[in-house]
PDB file of N, CA and C in Angstrom:
ATOM      1  N   ASN A   1     120.068  57.902  58.051  1.00  0.00           N
ATOM      2  CA  ASN A   1     120.886  58.691  58.587  1.00  0.00           C
ATOM      3  C   ASN A   1     120.863  58.586  59.983  1.00  0.00           C
ATOM      4  N   GLY A   2     121.764  58.121  60.947  1.00  0.00           N
ATOM      5  CA  GLY A   2     121.726  57.719  62.108  1.00  0.00           C
ATOM      6  C   GLY A   2     121.849  59.094  63.221  1.00  0.00           C
ATOM      7  N   SER A   3     122.016  60.413  62.707  1.00  0.00           N
ATOM      8  CA  SER A   3     122.201  61.343  63.330  1.00  0.00           C
ATOM      9  C   SER A   3     120.878  62.379  63.666  1.00  0.00           C
ATOM     10  N   LYS A   4     120.561  62.324  64.819  1.00  0.00           N
ATOM     11  CA  LYS A   4     119.519  63.291  65.052  1.00  0.00           C
ATOM     12  C   LYS A   4     120.008  64.684  65.648  1.00  0.00           C
ATOM     13  N   LEU A   5     119.269  65.462  65.288  1.00  0.00           N
ATOM     14  CA  LEU A   5     119.511  66.869  65.820  1.00  0.00           C
ATOM     15  C   LEU A   5     118.819  67.026  66.958  1.00  0.00           C
ATOM     16  N   GLU A   6     119.419  67.420  68.159  1.00  0.00           N
ATOM     17  CA  GLU A   6     118.677  67.846  69.623  1.00  0.00           C
ATOM     18  C   GLU A   6     117.895  69.008  69.314  1.00  0.00           C
ATOM     19  N   HIS A   7     116.808  68.938  69.892  1.00  0.00           N
ATOM     20  CA  HIS A   7     115.905  70.306  70.059  1.00  0.00           C
ATOM     21  C   HIS A   7     116.126  70.676  71.504  1.00  0.00           C
ATOM     22  N   ARG A   8     116.614  71.772  71.713  1.00  0.00           N
ATOM     23  CA  ARG A   8     116.641  72.178  73.061  1.00  0.00           C
ATOM     24  C   ARG A   8     115.478  73.321  73.343  1.00  0.00           C
ATOM     25  N   ARG A   9     115.053  72.932  74.600  1.00  0.00           N
ATOM     26  CA  ARG A   9     113.891  73.654  75.072  1.00  0.00           C
ATOM     27  C   ARG A   9     114.487  74.696  76.086  1.00  0.00           C
ATOM     28  N   PHE A  10     114.038  76.036  75.857  1.00  0.00           N
ATOM     29  CA  PHE A  10     114.569  76.914  76.611  1.00  0.00           C
ATOM     30  C   PHE A  10     113.589  77.715  77.233  1.00  0.00           C
ATOM     31  N   HIS A  11     113.780  78.414  78.497  1.00  0.00           N
ATOM     32  CA  HIS A  11     112.640  78.849  79.439  1.00  0.00           C
ATOM     33  C   HIS A  11     112.862  80.210  78.966  1.00  0.00           C
ATOM     34  N   VAL A  12     111.748  80.963  78.713  1.00  0.00           N
ATOM     35  CA  VAL A  12     111.689  82.268  78.271  1.00  0.00           C
ATOM     36  C   VAL A  12     110.738  82.916  79.473  1.00  0.00           C
ATOM     37  N   ASN A  13     111.059  83.930  79.794  1.00  0.00           N
ATOM     38  CA  ASN A  13     109.727  84.706  80.830  1.00  0.00           C
ATOM     39  C   ASN A  13     108.919  85.449  79.828  1.00  0.00           C
ATOM     40  N   ILE A  14     107.836  84.518  79.614  1.00  0.00           N
ATOM     41  CA  ILE A  14     106.769  84.939  78.575  1.00  0.00           C
ATOM     42  C   ILE A  14     106.039  86.254  78.978  1.00  0.00           C
ATOM     43  N   ARG A  15     105.975  86.287  80.367  1.00  0.00           N
ATOM     44  CA  ARG A  15     105.008  87.538  81.044  1.00  0.00           C
ATOM     45  C   ARG A  15     105.838  88.520  80.558  1.00  0.00           C
ATOM     46  N   LYS A  16     107.084  88.958  80.552  1.00  0.00           N
ATOM     47  CA  LYS A  16     107.889  90.105  80.393  1.00  0.00           C
ATOM     48  C   LYS A  16     107.718  90.577  78.929  1.00  0.00           C
ATOM     49  N   SER A  17     107.612  89.447  78.210  1.00  0.00           N
ATOM     50  CA  SER A  17     107.652  89.773  76.536  1.00  0.00           C
ATOM     51  C   SER A  17     106.363  90.395  76.073  1.00  0.00           C
ATOM     52  N   PHE A  18     105.215  90.143  76.782  1.00  0.00           N
ATOM     53  CA  PHE A  18     104.120  90.670  76.556  1.00  0.00           C
ATOM     54  C   PHE A  18     103.922  92.204  76.307  1.00  0.00           C
ATOM     55  N   PHE A  19     103.474  92.775  75.026  1.00  0.00           N
ATOM     56  CA  PHE A  19     103.371  94.113  74.923  1.00  0.00           C
ATOM     57  C   PHE A  19     102.654  94.767  76.066  1.00  0.00           C
ATOM     58  N   THR A  20     101.620  94.121  76.298  1.00  0.00           N
ATOM     59  CA  THR A  20     100.417  94.826  77.525  1.00  0.00           C
ATOM     60  C   THR A  20     101.212  95.026  78.850  1.00  0.00           C
ATOM     61  N   VAL A  21     102.118  94.146  79.219  1.00  0.00           N
ATOM     62  CA  VAL A  21     102.534  94.128  80.456  1.00  0.00           C
ATOM     63  C   VAL A  21     103.430  95.434  80.321  1.00  0.00           C
ATOM     64  N   SER A  22     104.489  95.525  79.238  1.00  0.00           N
ATOM     65  CA  SER A  22     105.337  96.364  79.355  1.00  0.00           C
ATOM     66  C   SER A  22     104.672  97.784  79.316  1.00  0.00           C
ATOM     67  N   VAL A  23     103.672  98.013  78.570  1.00  0.00           N
ATOM     68  CA  VAL A  23     102.880  99.192  78.430  1.00  0.00           C
ATOM     69  C   VAL A  23     102.144  99.430  79.797  1.00  0.00           C
ATOM     70  N   THR A  24     101.789  98.573  80.423  1.00  0.00           N
ATOM     71  CA  THR A  24     101.053  98.975  81.931  1.00  0.00           C
ATOM     72  C   THR A  24     102.052  99.338  82.929  1.00  0.00           C
ATOM     73  N   GLU A  25     103.380  98.797  82.557  1.00  0.00           N
ATOM     74  CA  GLU A  25     104.320  99.347  83.900  1.00  0.00           C
ATOM     75  C   GLU A  25     104.416 100.839  83.366  1.00  0.00           C
ATOM     76  N   HIS A  26     104.747 101.248  82.187  1.00  0.00           N
ATOM     77  CA  HIS A  26     104.929 102.604  81.831  1.00  0.00           C
ATOM     78  C   HIS A  26     103.481 103.562  82.189  1.00  0.00           C
ATOM     79  N   TRP A  27     102.547 102.891  81.923  1.00  0.00           N
ATOM     80  CA  TRP A  27     101.177 103.645  82.004  1.00  0.00           C
ATOM     81  C   TRP A  27     100.769 103.900  83.487  1.00  0.00           C
ATOM     82  N   THR A  28     101.332 102.946  84.540  1.00  0.00           N
ATOM     83  CA  THR A  28     101.103 103.511  85.994  1.00  0.00           C
ATOM     84  C   THR A  28     102.055 104.550  86.605  1.00  0.00           C
ATOM     85  N   ARG A  29     103.011 104.836  85.668  1.00  0.00           N
ATOM     86  CA  ARG A  29     103.941 105.788  86.087  1.00  0.00           C
ATOM     87  C   ARG A  29     103.505 107.316  85.477  1.00  0.00           C
ATOM     88  N   LEU A  30     102.670 107.217  84.860  1.00  0.00           N
ATOM     89  CA  LEU A  30     102.192 108.614  84.074  1.00  0.00           C
ATOM     90  C   LEU A  30     101.405 109.350  85.301  1.00  0.00           C
ATOM     91  N   PRO A  31     101.523 110.561  85.249  1.00  0.00           N
ATOM     92  CA  PRO A  31     100.704 111.611  85.962  1.00  0.00           C
ATOM     93  C   PRO A  31      99.255 111.393  85.717  1.00  0.00           C
ATOM     94  N   ARG A  32      98.478 111.712  86.916  1.00  0.00           N
ATOM     95  CA  ARG A  32      96.823 111.408  86.505  1.00  0.00           C
ATOM     96  C   ARG A  32      96.472 112.256  85.422  1.00  0.00           C
ATOM     97  N   GLU A  33      96.867 113.542  85.502  1.00  0.00           N
ATOM     98  CA  GLU A  33      96.402 114.695  84.273  1.00  0.00           C
ATOM     99  C   GLU A  33      96.406 114.284  83.016  1.00  0.00           C
ATOM    100  N   VAL A  34      97.601 113.299  82.749  1.00  0.00           N
ATOM    101  CA  VAL A  34      97.877 112.700  81.165  1.00  0.00           C
ATOM    102  C   VAL A  34      97.057 111.698  81.204  1.00  0.00           C
ATOM    103  N   VAL A  35      96.967 110.698  82.103  1.00  0.00           N
ATOM    104  CA  VAL A  35      95.930 109.632  81.914  1.00  0.00           C
ATOM    105  C   VAL A  35      94.409 109.737  81.615  1.00  0.00           C
ATOM    106  N   GLU A  36      94.225 110.773  82.372  1.00  0.00           N
ATOM    107  CA  GLU A  36      92.592 111.391  82.328  1.00  0.00           C
ATOM    108  C   GLU A  36      92.257 112.440  81.518  1.00  0.00           C
ATOM    109  N   SER A  37      93.218 112.642  80.460  1.00  0.00           N
ATOM    110  CA  SER A  37      93.149 113.686  79.587  1.00  0.00           C
ATOM    111  C   SER A  37      91.893 113.689  78.992  1.00  0.00           C
ATOM    112  N   PRO A  38      90.948 114.690  78.620  1.00  0.00           N
ATOM    113  CA  PRO A  38      89.702 114.553  77.887  1.00  0.00           C
ATOM    114  C   PRO A  38      89.742 114.360  76.495  1.00  0.00           C
ATOM    115  N   SER A  39      90.832 114.275  75.784  1.00  0.00           N
ATOM    116  CA  SER A  39      90.643 114.107  74.228  1.00  0.00           C
ATOM    117  C   SER A  39      92.129 113.668  73.916  1.00  0.00           C
ATOM    118  N   LEU A  40      92.413 113.072  72.789  1.00  0.00           N
ATOM    119  CA  LEU A  40      93.426 112.428  72.277  1.00  0.00           C
ATOM    120  C   LEU A  40      94.445 113.355  72.160  1.00  0.00           C
ATOM    121  N   GLU A  41      94.093 114.767  71.520  1.00  0.00           N
ATOM    122  CA  GLU A  41      95.045 115.923  71.390  1.00  0.00           C
ATOM    123  C   GLU A  41      95.835 116.352  72.718  1.00  0.00           C
ATOM    124  N   THR A  42      94.893 116.279  73.766  1.00  0.00           N
ATOM    125  CA  THR A  42      95.290 116.871  75.118  1.00  0.00           C
ATOM    126  C   THR A  42      96.389 115.959  75.446  1.00  0.00           C
ATOM    127  N   PHE A  43      95.846 114.615  75.400  1.00  0.00           N
ATOM    128  CA  PHE A  43      96.552 113.400  76.018  1.00  0.00           C
ATOM    129  C   PHE A  43      98.121 113.357  75.245  1.00  0.00           C
ATOM    130  N   LYS A  44      98.082 113.617  73.936  1.00  0.00           N
ATOM    131  CA  LYS A  44      99.603 113.736  73.067  1.00  0.00           C
ATOM    132  C   LYS A  44     100.330 114.932  73.603  1.00  0.00           C
ATOM    133  N   THR A  45      99.539 116.172  73.896  1.00  0.00           N
ATOM    134  CA  THR A  45     100.414 117.280  74.227  1.00  0.00           C
ATOM    135  C   THR A  45     100.893 116.935  75.891  1.00  0.00           C
ATOM    136  N   LEU A  46     100.102 116.578  76.707  1.00  0.00           N
ATOM    137  CA  LEU A  46     100.504 116.345  77.917  1.00  0.00           C
ATOM    138  C   LEU A  46     101.624 115.435  78.184  1.00  0.00           C
ATOM    139  N   LEU A  47     101.431 114.029  77.292  1.00  0.00           N
ATOM    140  CA  LEU A  47     102.448 113.229  77.218  1.00  0.00           C
ATOM    141  C   LEU A  47     103.719 113.699  76.456  1.00  0.00           C
ATOM    142  N   ASP A  48     103.913 114.488  75.804  1.00  0.00           N
ATOM    143  CA  ASP A  48     105.003 115.257  75.162  1.00  0.00           C
ATOM    144  C   ASP A  48     105.675 116.091  76.276  1.00  0.00           C
ATOM    145  N   ALA A  49     104.920 116.790  76.864  1.00  0.00           N
ATOM    146  CA  ALA A  49     105.331 117.609  77.732  1.00  0.00           C
ATOM    147  C   ALA A  49     105.974 116.732  78.897  1.00  0.00           C
ATOM    148  N   PHE A  50     105.488 115.477  79.461  1.00  0.00           N
ATOM    149  CA  PHE A  50     105.790 114.805  80.421  1.00  0.00           C
ATOM    150  C   PHE A  50     107.116 113.962  79.898  1.00  0.00           C
ATOM    151  N   LEU A  51     107.204 113.641  78.823  1.00  0.00           N
ATOM    152  CA  LEU A  51     108.355 112.953  78.236  1.00  0.00           C
ATOM    153  C   LEU A  51     109.537 113.909  78.298  1.00  0.00           C
ATOM    154  N   CYS A  52     109.299 115.166  77.969  1.00  0.00           N
ATOM    155  CA  CYS A  52     110.405 115.895  77.743  1.00  0.00           C
ATOM    156  C   CYS A  52     111.132 116.503  79.132  1.00  0.00           C
ATOM    157  N   ASP A  53     110.157 116.577  80.182  1.00  0.00           N
ATOM    158  CA  ASP A  53     110.526 116.669  81.551  1.00  0.00           C
ATOM    159  C   ASP A  53     111.553 115.568  81.939  1.00  0.00           C
ATOM    160  N   LEU A  54     111.461 114.309  81.451  1.00  0.00           N
ATOM    161  CA  LEU A  54     112.426 113.096  81.974  1.00  0.00           C
ATOM    162  C   LEU A  54     113.542 113.208  81.355  1.00  0.00           C
ATOM    163  N   VAL A  55     113.782 113.965  80.334  1.00  0.00           N
ATOM    164  CA  VAL A  55     115.050 113.815  79.583  1.00  0.00           C
ATOM    165  C   VAL A  55     116.018 114.944  80.149  1.00  0.00           C
TER     166      VAL A  55
END
């Protein structure tokens, strides 16, 4: 068969697709008291309160 499929290369901004990059962008926007909470339960409570204030 003389037909060949062309494989196109495309540029994807890989940096923006990484999970860690998107998480750190949101993490830096959190208030200090949320980030430095002493326990996971406190973190969840403060995070919920912060997110409710955004809506």
